[in-house]
Amino acid sequence: MMPVFLLVVPAVVEVAAPEPALAVAPENHAEHLFLLGRDLRYAQRWYEAGQAYRTLLREFPASTRAADARYWLAASLEQDRRWDEAIDAYTEFLARHPDQRMLGKEARLNRVRCWGIRQWDNPAATPGLVSALADEREEVRVAAALQLAKRRDSRAVPVLQAGLNANLSSEACRLALLALGAQPQATGPAQGRFLVVRIKERDKPEVLTVRLALGLARAVGGYLSDEQLRQAKGKGVDLNRIMDQALNTPKGTELFSLDDSKSTVTVTVE
């Protein structure tokens, strides 16, 4: 029997060429980093959030997210109590993105807050606050003045006096001026201050409330009985100077309370 030889021919295996990877747009990478930074901020992981924003700005400086990333980098540094780095980051944001009106205002206010914290230790902080006294935004000027007042810096006085006319800051400005030893130069009723007279008659459950503009402060005496007027004199209440007292005390202060057999009259500043 003849031997049979089998010839083994190796099979040719064609290896498929790998599919080309889908290109990812740089803007998608930038968006990913921005959202990562946001999520880290929400988790209060400030350092890592700052790193995400730094990476975005380094690798994608032309991204449409650059302005927001620069602002939130500064805010993350501030939250991480890295005050000096936050000051520099806010300054860079303001220099690079002067068109950012809303974030620009917040950046200025936040930088003032950081300067205020560092004004005892960072030699550049006080000059920064002084420069902010000339800011175009009243909120920023007043914020800087209030910070300087903590060091009893008299350069804050003119801005604090002007701030008396701002509804949101008038009380803080008044107290700061008094702490500086400066007399608030009030403009009277325009500042939104009132004397509130509350009269509780003993035989009635309700309280009668009367609001008087400060210019009518002397009219308070008309709501007092003869007995209450005598009490006021005995307690050292000077009804002729009640407007001055109302201008120079914090809102919510009770100036006096007087009783007689028929009613109790309480006068507060609001």
Protein backbone atom coordinates (compact mmCIF):
# COMPACT_ATOMS: atom_id res chain seq x y z
CA MET A 1 0.00 0.00 0.00
CA MET A 2 1.38 3.28 -1.02
CA PRO A 3 1.81 5.85 1.81
CA VAL A 4 -0.36 8.97 1.47
CA PHE A 5 1.21 12.32 2.27
CA LEU A 6 -1.04 15.26 3.19
CA LEU A 7 0.21 18.67 2.29
CA VAL A 8 -0.86 21.22 4.86
CA VAL A 9 -1.18 24.70 3.41
CA PRO A 10 -1.45 27.42 6.06
CA ALA A 11 -4.61 29.47 5.65
CA VAL A 12 -4.18 33.11 4.84
CA VAL A 13 -6.02 35.14 7.44
CA GLU A 14 -6.82 38.68 6.53
CA VAL A 15 -6.64 40.96 9.50
CA ALA A 16 -9.23 43.66 9.29
CA ALA A 17 -7.84 47.09 9.43
CA PRO A 18 -8.93 48.93 12.58
CA GLU A 19 -11.76 51.36 12.11
CA PRO A 20 -10.59 54.91 12.25
CA ALA A 21 -11.29 56.51 15.63
CA LEU A 22 -13.98 59.11 15.60
CA ALA A 23 -12.46 62.51 16.02
CA VAL A 24 -13.73 64.37 19.07
CA ALA A 25 -14.07 68.11 18.62
CA PRO A 26 -11.86 70.14 20.96
CA GLU A 27 -14.92 72.07 22.10
CA ASN A 28 -16.41 68.81 23.40
CA HIS A 29 -13.29 68.24 25.50
CA ALA A 30 -13.54 71.78 26.83
CA GLU A 31 -17.22 71.29 27.68
CA HIS A 32 -16.37 68.06 29.50
CA LEU A 33 -13.75 69.83 31.60
CA PHE A 34 -16.11 72.71 32.34
CA LEU A 35 -18.86 70.36 33.52
CA LEU A 36 -16.33 68.39 35.55
CA GLY A 37 -15.27 71.59 37.29
CA ARG A 38 -18.90 72.46 37.95
CA ASP A 39 -19.63 69.05 39.47
CA LEU A 40 -16.54 69.28 41.67
CA ARG A 41 -17.65 72.70 42.86
CA TYR A 42 -21.08 71.35 43.72
CA ALA A 43 -19.30 68.65 45.74
CA GLN A 44 -17.25 71.41 47.44
CA ARG A 45 -14.03 69.88 46.14
CA TRP A 46 -12.59 73.31 45.48
CA TYR A 47 -8.98 72.37 44.75
CA GLU A 48 -9.93 69.74 42.18
CA ALA A 49 -12.46 72.08 40.62
CA GLY A 50 -9.76 74.68 40.20
CA GLN A 51 -7.51 72.11 38.55
CA ALA A 52 -10.25 71.24 36.04
CA TYR A 53 -10.69 74.88 35.11
CA ARG A 54 -6.93 75.40 34.83
CA THR A 55 -6.69 72.43 32.46
CA LEU A 56 -9.48 73.81 30.32
CA LEU A 57 -7.80 77.22 30.07
CA ARG A 58 -4.39 75.73 29.33
CA GLU A 59 -5.51 73.26 26.66
CA PHE A 60 -8.40 75.20 25.13
CA PRO A 61 -7.69 78.91 25.60
CA ALA A 62 -9.98 79.85 22.69
CA SER A 63 -12.95 77.88 24.00
CA THR A 64 -16.30 79.59 24.32
CA ARG A 65 -16.19 78.42 27.94
CA ALA A 66 -12.96 80.28 28.69
CA ALA A 67 -14.56 83.34 30.30
CA ASP A 68 -16.81 81.30 32.56
CA ALA A 69 -13.97 78.94 33.44
CA ARG A 70 -11.71 81.84 34.38
CA TYR A 71 -14.37 83.29 36.68
CA TRP A 72 -15.16 79.96 38.34
CA LEU A 73 -11.47 79.24 38.79
CA ALA A 74 -11.21 82.45 40.82
CA ALA A 75 -14.37 81.60 42.77
CA SER A 76 -13.05 78.10 43.54
CA LEU A 77 -9.78 79.56 44.82
CA GLU A 78 -11.74 81.95 47.03
CA GLN A 79 -13.85 79.13 48.43
CA ASP A 80 -10.63 77.22 49.09
CA ARG A 81 -9.44 80.23 51.16
CA ARG A 82 -6.51 80.83 48.84
CA TRP A 83 -7.21 84.52 49.00
CA ASP A 84 -4.15 85.91 47.20
CA GLU A 85 -4.49 83.45 44.32
CA ALA A 86 -8.18 84.32 44.09
CA ILE A 87 -7.36 88.04 43.91
CA ASP A 88 -4.95 87.40 41.04
CA ALA A 89 -7.48 85.18 39.27
CA TYR A 90 -10.29 87.73 39.58
CA THR A 91 -7.94 90.44 38.31
CA GLU A 92 -6.99 88.31 35.29
CA PHE A 93 -10.65 87.57 34.58
CA LEU A 94 -11.50 91.30 34.64
CA ALA A 95 -8.55 92.16 32.41
CA ARG A 96 -9.28 89.47 29.82
CA HIS A 97 -13.07 89.72 29.77
CA PRO A 98 -14.13 93.35 30.23
CA ASP A 99 -17.33 92.62 28.29
CA GLN A 100 -18.68 90.30 30.99
CA ARG A 101 -21.04 92.71 32.76
CA MET A 102 -22.78 90.39 35.22
CA LEU A 103 -19.82 88.22 36.11
CA GLY A 104 -17.65 91.34 36.03
CA LYS A 105 -19.63 92.94 38.84
CA GLU A 106 -19.48 89.77 40.91
CA ALA A 107 -15.74 89.46 40.28
CA ARG A 108 -15.17 93.02 41.50
CA LEU A 109 -17.22 92.46 44.65
CA ASN A 110 -15.52 89.14 45.37
CA ARG A 111 -12.08 90.64 44.85
CA VAL A 112 -12.95 93.42 47.31
CA ARG A 113 -13.96 90.77 49.84
CA CYS A 114 -10.63 88.97 49.38
CA TRP A 115 -8.71 92.23 49.68
CA GLY A 116 -10.63 92.96 52.87
CA ILE A 117 -9.63 89.64 54.38
CA ARG A 118 -6.00 90.12 53.42
CA GLN A 119 -5.60 93.83 54.17
CA TRP A 120 -3.68 93.13 57.38
CA ASP A 121 -1.22 90.71 55.74
CA ASN A 122 -0.94 91.42 52.02
CA PRO A 123 0.68 94.82 51.31
CA ALA A 124 -1.17 95.03 47.98
CA ALA A 125 -4.62 94.58 49.53
CA THR A 126 -5.15 98.07 50.98
CA PRO A 127 -4.07 99.84 47.76
CA GLY A 128 -6.48 97.54 45.94
CA LEU A 129 -9.32 98.59 48.21
CA VAL A 130 -8.43 102.25 47.80
CA SER A 131 -8.49 101.88 44.01
CA ALA A 132 -11.93 100.27 44.27
CA LEU A 133 -13.27 103.44 45.93
CA ALA A 134 -13.28 104.93 42.41
CA ASP A 135 -15.05 102.00 40.74
CA GLU A 136 -17.89 102.91 38.38
CA ARG A 137 -20.29 100.69 40.33
CA GLU A 138 -21.70 102.04 43.58
CA GLU A 139 -21.94 98.57 45.13
CA VAL A 140 -18.22 98.03 44.62
CA ARG A 141 -17.30 101.47 45.99
CA VAL A 142 -19.37 100.94 49.12
CA ALA A 143 -18.05 97.40 49.63
CA ALA A 144 -14.47 98.69 49.47
CA ALA A 145 -15.25 101.55 51.87
CA LEU A 146 -16.80 99.17 54.38
CA GLN A 147 -13.69 96.99 54.26
CA LEU A 148 -11.38 99.98 54.76
CA ALA A 149 -13.50 101.17 57.66
CA LYS A 150 -12.52 98.00 59.53
CA ARG A 151 -9.01 99.45 59.71
CA ARG A 152 -10.36 102.89 60.57
CA ASP A 153 -9.07 104.24 57.27
CA SER A 154 -10.51 107.73 56.83
CA ARG A 155 -10.27 107.49 53.05
CA ALA A 156 -13.48 105.49 53.23
CA VAL A 157 -15.52 108.37 54.71
CA PRO A 158 -16.66 110.15 51.50
CA VAL A 159 -17.93 106.91 49.95
CA LEU A 160 -19.63 105.92 53.19
CA GLN A 161 -21.38 109.29 53.35
CA ALA A 162 -22.60 108.82 49.79
CA GLY A 163 -23.69 105.28 50.64
CA LEU A 164 -26.16 106.64 53.19
CA ASN A 165 -28.52 107.28 50.28
CA ALA A 166 -28.44 103.67 49.06
CA ASN A 167 -31.27 101.62 50.49
CA LEU A 168 -29.31 98.37 50.71
CA SER A 169 -26.19 99.81 52.32
CA SER A 170 -27.36 102.86 54.28
CA GLU A 171 -27.41 101.12 57.66
CA ALA A 172 -23.98 99.52 57.22
CA CYS A 173 -22.53 102.86 56.06
CA ARG A 174 -24.03 104.70 59.04
CA LEU A 175 -22.58 102.24 61.54
CA ALA A 176 -19.18 102.33 59.82
CA LEU A 177 -19.12 106.13 59.95
CA LEU A 178 -19.95 106.11 63.64
CA ALA A 179 -17.19 103.56 64.27
CA LEU A 180 -14.78 105.90 62.46
CA GLY A 181 -15.90 108.79 64.65
CA ALA A 182 -17.52 110.58 61.71
CA GLN A 183 -20.99 112.09 61.93
CA PRO A 184 -23.31 110.64 59.27
CA GLN A 185 -24.42 113.46 57.00
CA ALA A 186 -27.97 112.25 56.61
CA THR A 187 -30.43 113.70 54.15
CA GLY A 188 -33.52 113.06 56.27
CA PRO A 189 -36.61 111.21 55.09
CA ALA A 190 -35.10 110.35 51.71
CA GLN A 191 -33.07 107.67 53.43
CA GLY A 192 -36.12 105.55 54.11
CA ARG A 193 -36.01 105.87 57.91
CA PHE A 194 -39.12 106.27 59.97
CA LEU A 195 -40.13 106.60 63.57
CA VAL A 196 -42.73 103.96 64.36
CA VAL A 197 -45.05 104.78 67.24
CA ARG A 198 -46.99 101.82 68.65
CA ILE A 199 -49.84 102.59 71.01
CA LYS A 200 -51.41 99.76 73.01
CA GLU A 201 -54.50 100.86 74.90
CA ARG A 202 -55.24 98.65 77.89
CA ASP A 203 -58.90 98.01 77.06
CA LYS A 204 -58.30 97.17 73.38
CA PRO A 205 -56.66 94.05 71.92
CA GLU A 206 -55.20 95.72 68.83
CA VAL A 207 -52.12 97.93 68.62
CA LEU A 208 -52.30 101.25 66.80
CA THR A 209 -49.19 101.77 64.65
CA VAL A 210 -48.19 105.17 63.29
CA ARG A 211 -45.21 105.72 60.94
CA LEU A 212 -43.66 109.18 61.02
CA ALA A 213 -41.05 110.53 58.61
CA LEU A 214 -38.01 111.72 60.55
CA GLY A 215 -38.78 115.30 59.61
CA LEU A 216 -41.91 114.97 61.74
CA ALA A 217 -40.11 113.44 64.70
CA ARG A 218 -41.21 116.13 67.12
CA ALA A 219 -44.81 115.12 66.49
CA VAL A 220 -44.17 112.08 68.70
CA GLY A 221 -45.02 114.21 71.72
CA GLY A 222 -48.57 114.54 70.45
CA TYR A 223 -49.14 110.83 71.02
CA LEU A 224 -48.10 110.98 74.68
CA SER A 225 -50.27 111.75 77.66
CA ASP A 226 -49.24 114.28 80.30
CA GLU A 227 -48.16 111.42 82.55
CA GLN A 228 -46.07 109.90 79.77
CA LEU A 229 -44.48 113.26 79.02
CA ARG A 230 -43.45 113.50 82.68
CA GLN A 231 -42.05 109.98 82.50
CA ALA A 232 -40.07 110.88 79.38
CA LYS A 233 -38.53 113.86 81.13
CA GLY A 234 -37.69 111.71 84.16
CA LYS A 235 -36.00 109.10 81.94
CA GLY A 236 -33.94 111.72 80.12
CA VAL A 237 -35.82 111.40 76.84
CA ASP A 238 -35.31 114.64 74.92
CA LEU A 239 -38.16 114.88 72.43
CA ASN A 240 -36.49 117.89 70.79
CA ARG A 241 -33.51 115.73 69.77
CA ILE A 242 -35.38 112.62 68.80
CA MET A 243 -34.64 113.07 65.09
CA ASP A 244 -30.88 113.16 65.76
CA GLN A 245 -31.17 110.02 67.85
CA ALA A 246 -33.14 108.29 65.10
CA LEU A 247 -30.54 109.18 62.47
CA ASN A 248 -27.63 107.84 64.49
CA THR A 249 -28.97 104.56 65.85
CA PRO A 250 -29.40 101.25 64.01
CA LYS A 251 -32.76 100.40 62.52
CA GLY A 252 -34.82 98.32 64.89
CA THR A 253 -33.65 100.28 67.94
CA GLU A 254 -36.30 101.05 70.56
CA LEU A 255 -35.85 104.69 71.57
CA PHE A 256 -38.20 104.54 74.52
CA SER A 257 -41.35 102.99 75.96
CA LEU A 258 -43.71 104.85 78.30
CA ASP A 259 -46.73 103.69 80.32
CA ASP A 260 -49.67 105.29 82.03
CA SER A 261 -52.93 103.91 83.36
CA LYS A 262 -54.52 103.89 79.90
CA SER A 263 -51.83 102.92 77.39
CA THR A 264 -48.26 101.95 76.57
CA VAL A 265 -46.46 103.93 73.87
CA THR A 266 -43.32 102.49 72.28
CA VAL A 267 -41.19 104.36 69.73
CA THR A 268 -38.69 102.54 67.47
CA VAL A 269 -36.54 103.41 64.45
CA GLU A 270 -37.34 101.45 61.30
